[in-house]
Amino acid sequence: MIERRIGFLKAVLIDLENVYKELNMVSQNISEISATYLEQYNLNNRENRDGEINKLKTNIEKIKEHSNHVTEEINRWYQFTNDPQEIIKVTFPLKFYFKRIKLRKEIAAANKLISRISIENRLIKENLKKMERMIESDTLQQIKNSGMYKEYEALLQKKEARLSDLCYLLPTIPSFPNKLDLNNISNIYNNL
């Protein structure tokens, strides 16, 4: 009786090893299809994607320019308010008032521009993420259409069935460990 179980265990192990090999081959084929499709998609949509990336880079530079401009204006303001030559002039309070109003307006305008550009950047990033999701979805659809996806799922089910057989069979064989190292199935087979 034990001999038959060991024979069945060997058959299950051989079948499981074959399933692993087939899964590996199908996975490689799916990977190749994905890479090919991604490459084709990148070629077809390079202008669109690169345009969005260039807009994003340009907008980041604009934000830096506006920030630098505000910093320069604040530095000028600070120099003006701490210049002893200006402070002693009779017109200093009037200049102070008008320069302060001008500075506030420039800061408000720069902040408004930076805010508008930041919103535009968020939209660009969302478009890039949408493109990425579209690639993933289209790639998955290509894999499903190729028939490999069904083959892959069938192999996974077969693997689970063989593992279930092993879980049922192992406790019935005396002096055999209850846990198996499935990374080296051929060693397990040879030790039987």
N, C-alpha and C. Protein backbone atom coordinates (compact mmCIF):
# COMPACT_ATOMS: atom_id res chain seq x y z
N MET A 1 0.82 -1.20 0.00
CA MET A 1 0.00 0.00 0.00
C MET A 1 0.86 1.26 0.00
N ILE A 2 1.91 1.24 0.83
CA ILE A 2 2.81 2.40 0.90
C ILE A 2 3.54 2.57 -0.43
N GLU A 3 3.87 1.46 -1.06
CA GLU A 3 4.55 1.52 -2.36
C GLU A 3 3.69 2.26 -3.39
N ARG A 4 2.39 1.99 -3.37
CA ARG A 4 1.49 2.67 -4.31
C ARG A 4 1.44 4.17 -4.00
N ARG A 5 1.41 4.51 -2.72
CA ARG A 5 1.39 5.92 -2.33
C ARG A 5 2.68 6.62 -2.76
N ILE A 6 3.80 5.95 -2.56
CA ILE A 6 5.08 6.54 -2.97
C ILE A 6 5.11 6.69 -4.49
N GLY A 7 4.59 5.71 -5.20
CA GLY A 7 4.50 5.82 -6.66
C GLY A 7 3.62 6.99 -7.08
N PHE A 8 2.48 7.13 -6.39
CA PHE A 8 1.59 8.26 -6.68
C PHE A 8 2.27 9.58 -6.34
N LEU A 9 3.00 9.62 -5.20
CA LEU A 9 3.73 10.83 -4.80
C LEU A 9 4.76 11.19 -5.86
N LYS A 10 5.47 10.19 -6.38
CA LYS A 10 6.46 10.46 -7.43
C LYS A 10 5.78 11.03 -8.68
N ALA A 11 4.64 10.46 -9.04
CA ALA A 11 3.91 10.96 -10.22
C ALA A 11 3.45 12.39 -10.00
N VAL A 12 2.97 12.68 -8.81
CA VAL A 12 2.53 14.06 -8.49
C VAL A 12 3.71 15.01 -8.53
N LEU A 13 4.85 14.59 -7.99
CA LEU A 13 6.04 15.45 -8.00
C LEU A 13 6.52 15.72 -9.42
N ILE A 14 6.52 14.71 -10.25
CA ILE A 14 6.93 14.90 -11.66
C ILE A 14 5.96 15.86 -12.35
N ASP A 15 4.69 15.65 -12.13
CA ASP A 15 3.68 16.52 -12.74
C ASP A 15 3.83 17.96 -12.23
N LEU A 16 4.08 18.09 -10.93
CA LEU A 16 4.25 19.44 -10.35
C LEU A 16 5.49 20.12 -10.93
N GLU A 17 6.55 19.38 -11.09
CA GLU A 17 7.76 19.96 -11.68
C GLU A 17 7.49 20.40 -13.12
N ASN A 18 6.75 19.59 -13.87
CA ASN A 18 6.40 19.97 -15.24
C ASN A 18 5.52 21.22 -15.26
N VAL A 19 4.59 21.30 -14.31
CA VAL A 19 3.72 22.49 -14.24
C VAL A 19 4.56 23.73 -13.96
N TYR A 20 5.54 23.61 -13.04
CA TYR A 20 6.42 24.75 -12.76
C TYR A 20 7.19 25.17 -14.01
N LYS A 21 7.67 24.21 -14.76
CA LYS A 21 8.40 24.53 -16.00
C LYS A 21 7.48 25.23 -17.00
N GLU A 22 6.26 24.71 -17.14
CA GLU A 22 5.31 25.33 -18.07
C GLU A 22 4.93 26.73 -17.60
N LEU A 23 4.73 26.90 -16.30
CA LEU A 23 4.42 28.23 -15.77
C LEU A 23 5.55 29.21 -16.06
N ASN A 24 6.76 28.73 -15.91
CA ASN A 24 7.92 29.58 -16.19
C ASN A 24 7.94 29.99 -17.65
N MET A 25 7.68 29.05 -18.56
CA MET A 25 7.67 29.36 -19.99
C MET A 25 6.56 30.35 -20.34
N VAL A 26 5.35 30.10 -19.81
CA VAL A 26 4.23 31.00 -20.09
C VAL A 26 4.51 32.39 -19.52
N SER A 27 5.10 32.44 -18.33
CA SER A 27 5.44 33.73 -17.73
C SER A 27 6.43 34.49 -18.59
N GLN A 28 7.42 33.78 -19.12
CA GLN A 28 8.39 34.42 -20.01
C GLN A 28 7.72 34.93 -21.28
N ASN A 29 6.82 34.13 -21.84
CA ASN A 29 6.10 34.56 -23.04
C ASN A 29 5.24 35.80 -22.74
N ILE A 30 4.57 35.79 -21.61
CA ILE A 30 3.76 36.96 -21.22
C ILE A 30 4.65 38.17 -21.04
N SER A 31 5.79 37.97 -20.42
CA SER A 31 6.74 39.07 -20.23
C SER A 31 7.22 39.63 -21.57
N GLU A 32 7.49 38.75 -22.52
CA GLU A 32 7.93 39.19 -23.85
C GLU A 32 6.83 39.96 -24.57
N ILE A 33 5.60 39.47 -24.47
CA ILE A 33 4.47 40.18 -25.09
C ILE A 33 4.31 41.55 -24.45
N SER A 34 4.41 41.60 -23.13
CA SER A 34 4.28 42.88 -22.42
C SER A 34 5.36 43.85 -22.86
N ALA A 35 6.60 43.37 -22.93
CA ALA A 35 7.71 44.23 -23.34
C ALA A 35 7.52 44.73 -24.77
N THR A 36 7.09 43.84 -25.65
CA THR A 36 6.87 44.22 -27.04
C THR A 36 5.76 45.26 -27.14
N TYR A 37 4.67 45.02 -26.42
CA TYR A 37 3.55 45.95 -26.48
C TYR A 37 3.94 47.30 -25.88
N LEU A 38 4.67 47.28 -24.78
CA LEU A 38 5.11 48.52 -24.15
C LEU A 38 6.02 49.32 -25.09
N GLU A 39 6.92 48.61 -25.74
CA GLU A 39 7.82 49.27 -26.69
C GLU A 39 7.02 49.90 -27.84
N GLN A 40 6.04 49.16 -28.36
CA GLN A 40 5.20 49.67 -29.45
C GLN A 40 4.39 50.88 -28.98
N TYR A 41 3.84 50.78 -27.79
CA TYR A 41 3.05 51.88 -27.25
C TYR A 41 3.92 53.12 -27.07
N ASN A 42 5.14 52.92 -26.56
CA ASN A 42 6.05 54.06 -26.37
C ASN A 42 6.40 54.71 -27.70
N LEU A 43 6.60 53.90 -28.73
CA LEU A 43 6.90 54.47 -30.04
C LEU A 43 5.71 55.27 -30.58
N ASN A 44 4.51 54.73 -30.41
CA ASN A 44 3.31 55.38 -30.93
C ASN A 44 2.94 56.65 -30.16
N ASN A 45 3.25 56.68 -28.87
CA ASN A 45 2.81 57.80 -28.03
C ASN A 45 3.95 58.63 -27.47
N ARG A 46 5.12 58.49 -28.06
CA ARG A 46 6.29 59.22 -27.55
C ARG A 46 6.07 60.73 -27.60
N GLU A 47 5.54 61.24 -28.70
CA GLU A 47 5.35 62.69 -28.83
C GLU A 47 4.41 63.22 -27.76
N ASN A 48 3.31 62.52 -27.56
CA ASN A 48 2.33 62.94 -26.57
C ASN A 48 2.92 62.93 -25.16
N ARG A 49 3.58 61.82 -24.80
CA ARG A 49 4.17 61.70 -23.47
C ARG A 49 5.30 62.70 -23.28
N ASP A 50 6.17 62.81 -24.27
CA ASP A 50 7.28 63.76 -24.16
C ASP A 50 6.79 65.19 -24.09
N GLY A 51 5.71 65.49 -24.80
CA GLY A 51 5.12 66.83 -24.72
C GLY A 51 4.64 67.15 -23.32
N GLU A 52 3.99 66.19 -22.69
CA GLU A 52 3.51 66.38 -21.31
C GLU A 52 4.69 66.56 -20.35
N ILE A 53 5.72 65.75 -20.54
CA ILE A 53 6.90 65.85 -19.66
C ILE A 53 7.60 67.19 -19.86
N ASN A 54 7.71 67.64 -21.10
CA ASN A 54 8.34 68.94 -21.37
C ASN A 54 7.53 70.08 -20.76
N LYS A 55 6.19 69.99 -20.84
CA LYS A 55 5.35 71.01 -20.20
C LYS A 55 5.61 71.04 -18.71
N LEU A 56 5.71 69.88 -18.11
CA LEU A 56 5.95 69.78 -16.68
C LEU A 56 7.29 70.41 -16.31
N LYS A 57 8.34 70.10 -17.07
CA LYS A 57 9.67 70.67 -16.81
C LYS A 57 9.66 72.19 -16.99
N THR A 58 8.99 72.65 -18.06
CA THR A 58 8.90 74.08 -18.31
C THR A 58 8.19 74.78 -17.17
N ASN A 59 7.09 74.19 -16.71
CA ASN A 59 6.34 74.78 -15.61
C ASN A 59 7.14 74.82 -14.32
N ILE A 60 7.94 73.81 -14.08
CA ILE A 60 8.79 73.81 -12.88
C ILE A 60 9.80 74.94 -12.96
N GLU A 61 10.36 75.15 -14.15
CA GLU A 61 11.29 76.27 -14.34
C GLU A 61 10.59 77.62 -14.14
N LYS A 62 9.35 77.74 -14.63
CA LYS A 62 8.60 78.99 -14.44
C LYS A 62 8.36 79.26 -12.97
N ILE A 63 8.03 78.21 -12.22
CA ILE A 63 7.81 78.38 -10.78
C ILE A 63 9.09 78.87 -10.10
N LYS A 64 10.23 78.28 -10.50
CA LYS A 64 11.51 78.72 -9.93
C LYS A 64 11.79 80.18 -10.27
N GLU A 65 11.51 80.57 -11.53
CA GLU A 65 11.72 81.95 -11.94
C GLU A 65 10.86 82.92 -11.12
N HIS A 66 9.59 82.58 -10.95
CA HIS A 66 8.70 83.45 -10.18
C HIS A 66 9.13 83.51 -8.71
N SER A 67 9.55 82.40 -8.17
CA SER A 67 10.03 82.37 -6.78
C SER A 67 11.29 83.22 -6.63
N ASN A 68 12.20 83.09 -7.60
CA ASN A 68 13.43 83.90 -7.56
C ASN A 68 13.11 85.38 -7.69
N HIS A 69 12.14 85.71 -8.55
CA HIS A 69 11.74 87.11 -8.71
C HIS A 69 11.19 87.67 -7.39
N VAL A 70 10.37 86.93 -6.72
CA VAL A 70 9.82 87.37 -5.44
C VAL A 70 10.94 87.55 -4.42
N THR A 71 11.88 86.62 -4.41
CA THR A 71 13.01 86.72 -3.48
C THR A 71 13.83 87.97 -3.77
N GLU A 72 14.06 88.25 -5.04
CA GLU A 72 14.81 89.46 -5.40
C GLU A 72 14.07 90.71 -4.95
N GLU A 73 12.77 90.76 -5.16
CA GLU A 73 11.98 91.93 -4.76
C GLU A 73 11.99 92.10 -3.24
N ILE A 74 11.90 91.01 -2.52
CA ILE A 74 11.95 91.10 -1.05
C ILE A 74 13.33 91.57 -0.61
N ASN A 75 14.38 91.10 -1.26
CA ASN A 75 15.73 91.58 -0.94
C ASN A 75 15.88 93.07 -1.22
N ARG A 76 15.33 93.52 -2.34
CA ARG A 76 15.37 94.96 -2.65
C ARG A 76 14.62 95.76 -1.58
N TRP A 77 13.48 95.24 -1.20
CA TRP A 77 12.68 95.89 -0.17
C TRP A 77 13.48 95.98 1.14
N TYR A 78 14.12 94.87 1.51
CA TYR A 78 14.90 94.84 2.74
C TYR A 78 16.06 95.83 2.66
N GLN A 79 16.73 95.89 1.52
CA GLN A 79 17.83 96.84 1.36
C GLN A 79 17.33 98.28 1.45
N PHE A 80 16.18 98.53 0.83
CA PHE A 80 15.60 99.88 0.89
C PHE A 80 15.26 100.26 2.32
N THR A 81 14.64 99.39 3.07
CA THR A 81 14.22 99.73 4.44
C THR A 81 15.38 99.84 5.42
N ASN A 82 16.53 99.28 5.07
CA ASN A 82 17.71 99.34 5.94
C ASN A 82 18.80 100.26 5.41
N ASP A 83 18.52 101.00 4.35
CA ASP A 83 19.51 101.92 3.77
C ASP A 83 19.48 103.24 4.55
N PRO A 84 20.55 103.54 5.25
CA PRO A 84 20.56 104.79 6.05
C PRO A 84 20.40 106.05 5.19
N GLN A 85 20.86 106.00 3.94
CA GLN A 85 20.74 107.15 3.05
C GLN A 85 19.27 107.42 2.71
N GLU A 86 18.47 106.34 2.56
CA GLU A 86 17.05 106.50 2.25
C GLU A 86 16.24 106.91 3.48
N ILE A 87 16.60 106.34 4.61
CA ILE A 87 15.83 106.58 5.83
C ILE A 87 15.85 108.05 6.23
N ILE A 88 16.95 108.73 6.00
CA ILE A 88 17.05 110.14 6.43
C ILE A 88 16.34 111.11 5.49
N LYS A 89 15.93 110.65 4.33
CA LYS A 89 15.24 111.52 3.39
C LYS A 89 13.82 111.81 3.87
N VAL A 90 13.34 112.98 3.51
CA VAL A 90 12.00 113.40 3.88
C VAL A 90 10.94 112.55 3.14
N THR A 91 11.27 112.08 1.96
CA THR A 91 10.32 111.31 1.15
C THR A 91 10.27 109.83 1.51
N PHE A 92 11.09 109.43 2.50
CA PHE A 92 11.16 108.00 2.86
C PHE A 92 9.79 107.41 3.22
N PRO A 93 8.98 108.04 4.07
CA PRO A 93 7.68 107.42 4.41
C PRO A 93 6.79 107.21 3.18
N LEU A 94 6.82 108.17 2.27
CA LEU A 94 6.01 108.06 1.06
C LEU A 94 6.52 106.93 0.15
N LYS A 95 7.84 106.89 -0.05
CA LYS A 95 8.44 105.82 -0.84
C LYS A 95 8.19 104.46 -0.18
N PHE A 96 8.34 104.44 1.15
CA PHE A 96 8.11 103.21 1.90
C PHE A 96 6.71 102.68 1.64
N TYR A 97 5.73 103.55 1.72
CA TYR A 97 4.34 103.17 1.53
C TYR A 97 4.10 102.62 0.12
N PHE A 98 4.57 103.36 -0.91
CA PHE A 98 4.33 102.94 -2.28
C PHE A 98 5.13 101.68 -2.65
N LYS A 99 6.34 101.57 -2.16
CA LYS A 99 7.14 100.37 -2.43
C LYS A 99 6.52 99.14 -1.75
N ARG A 100 5.97 99.35 -0.56
CA ARG A 100 5.33 98.24 0.14
C ARG A 100 4.09 97.76 -0.63
N ILE A 101 3.29 98.71 -1.13
CA ILE A 101 2.11 98.35 -1.93
C ILE A 101 2.55 97.61 -3.19
N LYS A 102 3.60 98.13 -3.85
CA LYS A 102 4.10 97.49 -5.07
C LYS A 102 4.60 96.08 -4.77
N LEU A 103 5.33 95.91 -3.67
CA LEU A 103 5.85 94.60 -3.29
C LEU A 103 4.71 93.62 -3.02
N ARG A 104 3.70 94.05 -2.30
CA ARG A 104 2.56 93.18 -2.01
C ARG A 104 1.86 92.75 -3.30
N LYS A 105 1.70 93.69 -4.23
CA LYS A 105 1.06 93.36 -5.50
C LYS A 105 1.90 92.36 -6.29
N GLU A 106 3.22 92.56 -6.31
CA GLU A 106 4.09 91.63 -7.04
C GLU A 106 4.08 90.25 -6.41
N ILE A 107 4.09 90.20 -5.09
CA ILE A 107 4.04 88.89 -4.40
C ILE A 107 2.70 88.21 -4.68
N ALA A 108 1.61 88.96 -4.61
CA ALA A 108 0.29 88.39 -4.88
C ALA A 108 0.20 87.89 -6.32
N ALA A 109 0.72 88.66 -7.27
CA ALA A 109 0.69 88.25 -8.68
C ALA A 109 1.54 86.99 -8.89
N ALA A 110 2.72 86.97 -8.28
CA ALA A 110 3.60 85.81 -8.42
C ALA A 110 2.96 84.58 -7.79
N ASN A 111 2.35 84.75 -6.62
CA ASN A 111 1.68 83.62 -5.97
C ASN A 111 0.52 83.10 -6.81
N LYS A 112 -0.20 84.01 -7.44
CA LYS A 112 -1.31 83.61 -8.31
C LYS A 112 -0.79 82.81 -9.50
N LEU A 113 0.30 83.27 -10.11
CA LEU A 113 0.89 82.56 -11.24
C LEU A 113 1.43 81.19 -10.81
N ILE A 114 2.10 81.17 -9.67
CA ILE A 114 2.64 79.90 -9.16
C ILE A 114 1.50 78.93 -8.87
N SER A 115 0.42 79.42 -8.30
CA SER A 115 -0.73 78.57 -8.01
C SER A 115 -1.34 78.02 -9.30
N ARG A 116 -1.49 78.87 -10.31
CA ARG A 116 -2.05 78.43 -11.59
C ARG A 116 -1.14 77.38 -12.24
N ILE A 117 0.16 77.62 -12.20
CA ILE A 117 1.11 76.67 -12.78
C ILE A 117 1.10 75.36 -12.01
N SER A 118 0.98 75.43 -10.68
CA SER A 118 0.93 74.21 -9.85
C SER A 118 -0.30 73.38 -10.19
N ILE A 119 -1.42 74.05 -10.40
CA ILE A 119 -2.64 73.34 -10.80
C ILE A 119 -2.44 72.67 -12.15
N GLU A 120 -1.81 73.39 -13.07
CA GLU A 120 -1.54 72.83 -14.39
C GLU A 120 -0.61 71.62 -14.27
N ASN A 121 0.37 71.71 -13.38
CA ASN A 121 1.28 70.57 -13.16
C ASN A 121 0.54 69.36 -12.63
N ARG A 122 -0.40 69.58 -11.71
CA ARG A 122 -1.19 68.46 -11.20
C ARG A 122 -1.98 67.79 -12.32
N LEU A 123 -2.54 68.60 -13.20
CA LEU A 123 -3.28 68.04 -14.33
C LEU A 123 -2.37 67.25 -15.26
N ILE A 124 -1.17 67.76 -15.49
CA ILE A 124 -0.20 67.05 -16.34
C ILE A 124 0.17 65.72 -15.70
N LYS A 125 0.43 65.74 -14.38
CA LYS A 125 0.77 64.50 -13.68
C LYS A 125 -0.37 63.50 -13.74
N GLU A 126 -1.60 63.99 -13.62
CA GLU A 126 -2.76 63.11 -13.73
C GLU A 126 -2.85 62.51 -15.14
N ASN A 127 -2.55 63.32 -16.17
CA ASN A 127 -2.55 62.80 -17.54
C ASN A 127 -1.49 61.71 -17.71
N LEU A 128 -0.32 61.93 -17.12
CA LEU A 128 0.75 60.93 -17.22
C LEU A 128 0.35 59.64 -16.49
N LYS A 129 -0.29 59.77 -15.33
CA LYS A 129 -0.75 58.59 -14.60
C LYS A 129 -1.85 57.88 -15.39
N LYS A 130 -2.71 58.67 -16.03
CA LYS A 130 -3.77 58.07 -16.85
C LYS A 130 -3.16 57.29 -18.01
N MET A 131 -2.12 57.85 -18.63
CA MET A 131 -1.43 57.14 -19.71
C MET A 131 -0.85 55.83 -19.18
N GLU A 132 -0.26 55.88 -17.99
CA GLU A 132 0.33 54.68 -17.40
C GLU A 132 -0.74 53.62 -17.14
N ARG A 133 -1.88 54.03 -16.58
CA ARG A 133 -2.96 53.08 -16.33
C ARG A 133 -3.49 52.51 -17.64
N MET A 134 -3.54 53.35 -18.67
CA MET A 134 -4.01 52.90 -19.97
C MET A 134 -3.06 51.84 -20.54
N ILE A 135 -1.76 52.06 -20.38
CA ILE A 135 -0.76 51.09 -20.84
C ILE A 135 -0.98 49.76 -20.13
N GLU A 136 -1.14 49.82 -18.79
CA GLU A 136 -1.35 48.59 -18.02
C GLU A 136 -2.60 47.86 -18.48
N SER A 137 -3.67 48.62 -18.64
CA SER A 137 -4.94 48.02 -19.05
C SER A 137 -4.84 47.41 -20.44
N ASP A 138 -4.26 48.16 -21.37
CA ASP A 138 -4.11 47.66 -22.74
C ASP A 138 -3.19 46.45 -22.81
N THR A 139 -2.12 46.47 -22.02
CA THR A 139 -1.20 45.33 -21.99
C THR A 139 -1.91 44.09 -21.46
N LEU A 140 -2.65 44.25 -20.39
CA LEU A 140 -3.40 43.12 -19.83
C LEU A 140 -4.40 42.59 -20.85
N GLN A 141 -5.06 43.50 -21.57
CA GLN A 141 -6.02 43.08 -22.60
C GLN A 141 -5.31 42.32 -23.72
N GLN A 142 -4.13 42.78 -24.11
CA GLN A 142 -3.35 42.08 -25.14
C GLN A 142 -3.00 40.67 -24.69
N ILE A 143 -2.60 40.55 -23.42
CA ILE A 143 -2.24 39.24 -22.88
C ILE A 143 -3.47 38.33 -22.86
N LYS A 144 -4.61 38.89 -22.43
CA LYS A 144 -5.84 38.09 -22.40
C LYS A 144 -6.25 37.67 -23.80
N ASN A 145 -6.10 38.56 -24.77
CA ASN A 145 -6.46 38.25 -26.15
C ASN A 145 -5.54 37.20 -26.76
N SER A 146 -4.31 37.12 -26.29
CA SER A 146 -3.36 36.17 -26.86
C SER A 146 -3.65 34.73 -26.42
N GLY A 147 -4.48 34.55 -25.41
CA GLY A 147 -4.80 33.21 -24.94
C GLY A 147 -3.86 32.71 -23.88
N MET A 148 -2.75 33.40 -23.68
CA MET A 148 -1.78 32.96 -22.68
C MET A 148 -2.30 33.13 -21.27
N TYR A 149 -3.14 34.11 -21.08
CA TYR A 149 -3.68 34.37 -19.75
C TYR A 149 -4.51 33.18 -19.26
N LYS A 150 -5.34 32.63 -20.15
CA LYS A 150 -6.14 31.46 -19.78
C LYS A 150 -5.23 30.26 -19.51
N GLU A 151 -4.21 30.12 -20.33
CA GLU A 151 -3.26 29.04 -20.12
C GLU A 151 -2.55 29.19 -18.77
N TYR A 152 -2.17 30.43 -18.45
CA TYR A 152 -1.51 30.71 -17.18
C TYR A 152 -2.44 30.38 -16.01
N GLU A 153 -3.70 30.82 -16.10
CA GLU A 153 -4.67 30.51 -15.04
C GLU A 153 -4.89 29.01 -14.90
N ALA A 154 -4.97 28.31 -16.02
CA ALA A 154 -5.16 26.85 -15.97
C ALA A 154 -3.97 26.17 -15.30
N LEU A 155 -2.77 26.65 -15.61
CA LEU A 155 -1.58 26.08 -14.98
C LEU A 155 -1.56 26.37 -13.48
N LEU A 156 -1.98 27.57 -13.09
CA LEU A 156 -2.05 27.89 -11.66
C LEU A 156 -3.04 26.97 -10.94
N GLN A 157 -4.17 26.72 -11.58
CA GLN A 157 -5.15 25.81 -10.97
C GLN A 157 -4.58 24.39 -10.88
N LYS A 158 -3.88 23.98 -11.91
CA LYS A 158 -3.27 22.64 -11.90
C LYS A 158 -2.22 22.55 -10.79
N LYS A 159 -1.43 23.62 -10.64
CA LYS A 159 -0.42 23.65 -9.58
C LYS A 159 -1.08 23.53 -8.22
N GLU A 160 -2.15 24.30 -7.99
CA GLU A 160 -2.86 24.24 -6.71
C GLU A 160 -3.43 22.84 -6.46
N ALA A 161 -3.92 22.20 -7.50
CA ALA A 161 -4.45 20.84 -7.35
C ALA A 161 -3.35 19.87 -6.96
N ARG A 162 -2.17 19.99 -7.59
CA ARG A 162 -1.06 19.11 -7.26
C ARG A 162 -0.55 19.36 -5.84
N LEU A 163 -0.51 20.62 -5.45
CA LEU A 163 -0.10 20.94 -4.08
C LEU A 163 -1.10 20.39 -3.07
N SER A 164 -2.37 20.45 -3.42
CA SER A 164 -3.41 19.89 -2.56
C SER A 164 -3.23 18.38 -2.44
N ASP A 165 -2.93 17.72 -3.56
CA ASP A 165 -2.66 16.27 -3.53
C ASP A 165 -1.48 15.96 -2.61
N LEU A 166 -0.44 16.79 -2.71
CA LEU A 166 0.73 16.57 -1.85
C LEU A 166 0.38 16.74 -0.38
N CYS A 167 -0.40 17.77 -0.06
CA CYS A 167 -0.79 18.01 1.33
C CYS A 167 -1.61 16.84 1.87
N TYR A 168 -2.39 16.24 1.02
CA TYR A 168 -3.19 15.08 1.44
C TYR A 168 -2.32 13.84 1.57
N LEU A 169 -1.38 13.68 0.66
CA LEU A 169 -0.60 12.46 0.57
C LEU A 169 0.55 12.39 1.58
N LEU A 170 1.20 13.48 1.89
CA LEU A 170 2.39 13.46 2.75
C LEU A 170 2.13 12.86 4.13
N PRO A 171 1.05 13.23 4.82
CA PRO A 171 0.85 12.64 6.15
C PRO A 171 0.62 11.12 6.13
N THR A 172 0.29 10.57 4.98
CA THR A 172 0.00 9.14 4.91
C THR A 172 1.25 8.30 4.67
N ILE A 173 2.38 8.98 4.42
CA ILE A 173 3.63 8.24 4.19
C ILE A 173 4.50 8.36 5.44
N PRO A 174 4.76 7.23 6.11
CA PRO A 174 5.58 7.28 7.33
C PRO A 174 7.02 7.67 7.01
N SER A 175 7.64 8.28 7.99
CA SER A 175 9.05 8.73 7.94
C SER A 175 9.33 9.71 6.79
N PHE A 176 8.31 10.43 6.38
CA PHE A 176 8.50 11.46 5.36
C PHE A 176 8.14 12.81 5.98
N PRO A 177 8.98 13.83 5.80
CA PRO A 177 8.69 15.13 6.44
C PRO A 177 7.38 15.72 5.92
N ASN A 178 6.68 16.38 6.83
CA ASN A 178 5.39 16.98 6.46
C ASN A 178 5.56 18.24 5.62
N LYS A 179 6.72 18.85 5.68
CA LYS A 179 6.97 20.05 4.87
C LYS A 179 7.94 19.72 3.77
N LEU A 180 7.69 20.29 2.63
CA LEU A 180 8.54 20.04 1.46
C LEU A 180 9.17 21.34 1.00
N ASP A 181 10.37 21.23 0.50
CA ASP A 181 11.03 22.35 -0.16
C ASP A 181 10.74 22.23 -1.65
N LEU A 182 9.74 22.96 -2.10
CA LEU A 182 9.29 22.83 -3.49
C LEU A 182 10.23 23.51 -4.48
N ASN A 183 11.28 24.15 -3.97
CA ASN A 183 12.25 24.77 -4.87
C ASN A 183 13.16 23.73 -5.51
N ASN A 184 13.20 22.54 -4.91
CA ASN A 184 14.07 21.51 -5.44
C ASN A 184 13.31 20.18 -5.47
N ILE A 185 12.35 20.08 -6.36
CA ILE A 185 11.48 18.92 -6.45
C ILE A 185 12.25 17.66 -6.86
N SER A 186 13.25 17.84 -7.70
CA SER A 186 14.01 16.67 -8.16
C SER A 186 14.75 16.00 -7.00
N ASN A 187 15.22 16.73 -6.01
CA ASN A 187 15.86 16.13 -4.83
C ASN A 187 14.86 15.31 -4.02
N ILE A 188 13.66 15.84 -3.88
CA ILE A 188 12.63 15.14 -3.14
C ILE A 188 12.34 13.81 -3.85
N TYR A 189 12.22 13.88 -5.16
CA TYR A 189 11.94 12.68 -5.97
C TYR A 189 13.05 11.64 -5.81
N ASN A 190 14.29 12.13 -5.87
CA ASN A 190 15.43 11.21 -5.78
C ASN A 190 15.55 10.58 -4.39
N ASN A 191 15.09 11.27 -3.34
CA ASN A 191 15.17 10.74 -1.98
C ASN A 191 14.08 9.72 -1.67
N LEU A 192 13.11 9.59 -2.56
CA LEU A 192 12.05 8.61 -2.33
C LEU A 192 12.53 7.26 -2.61
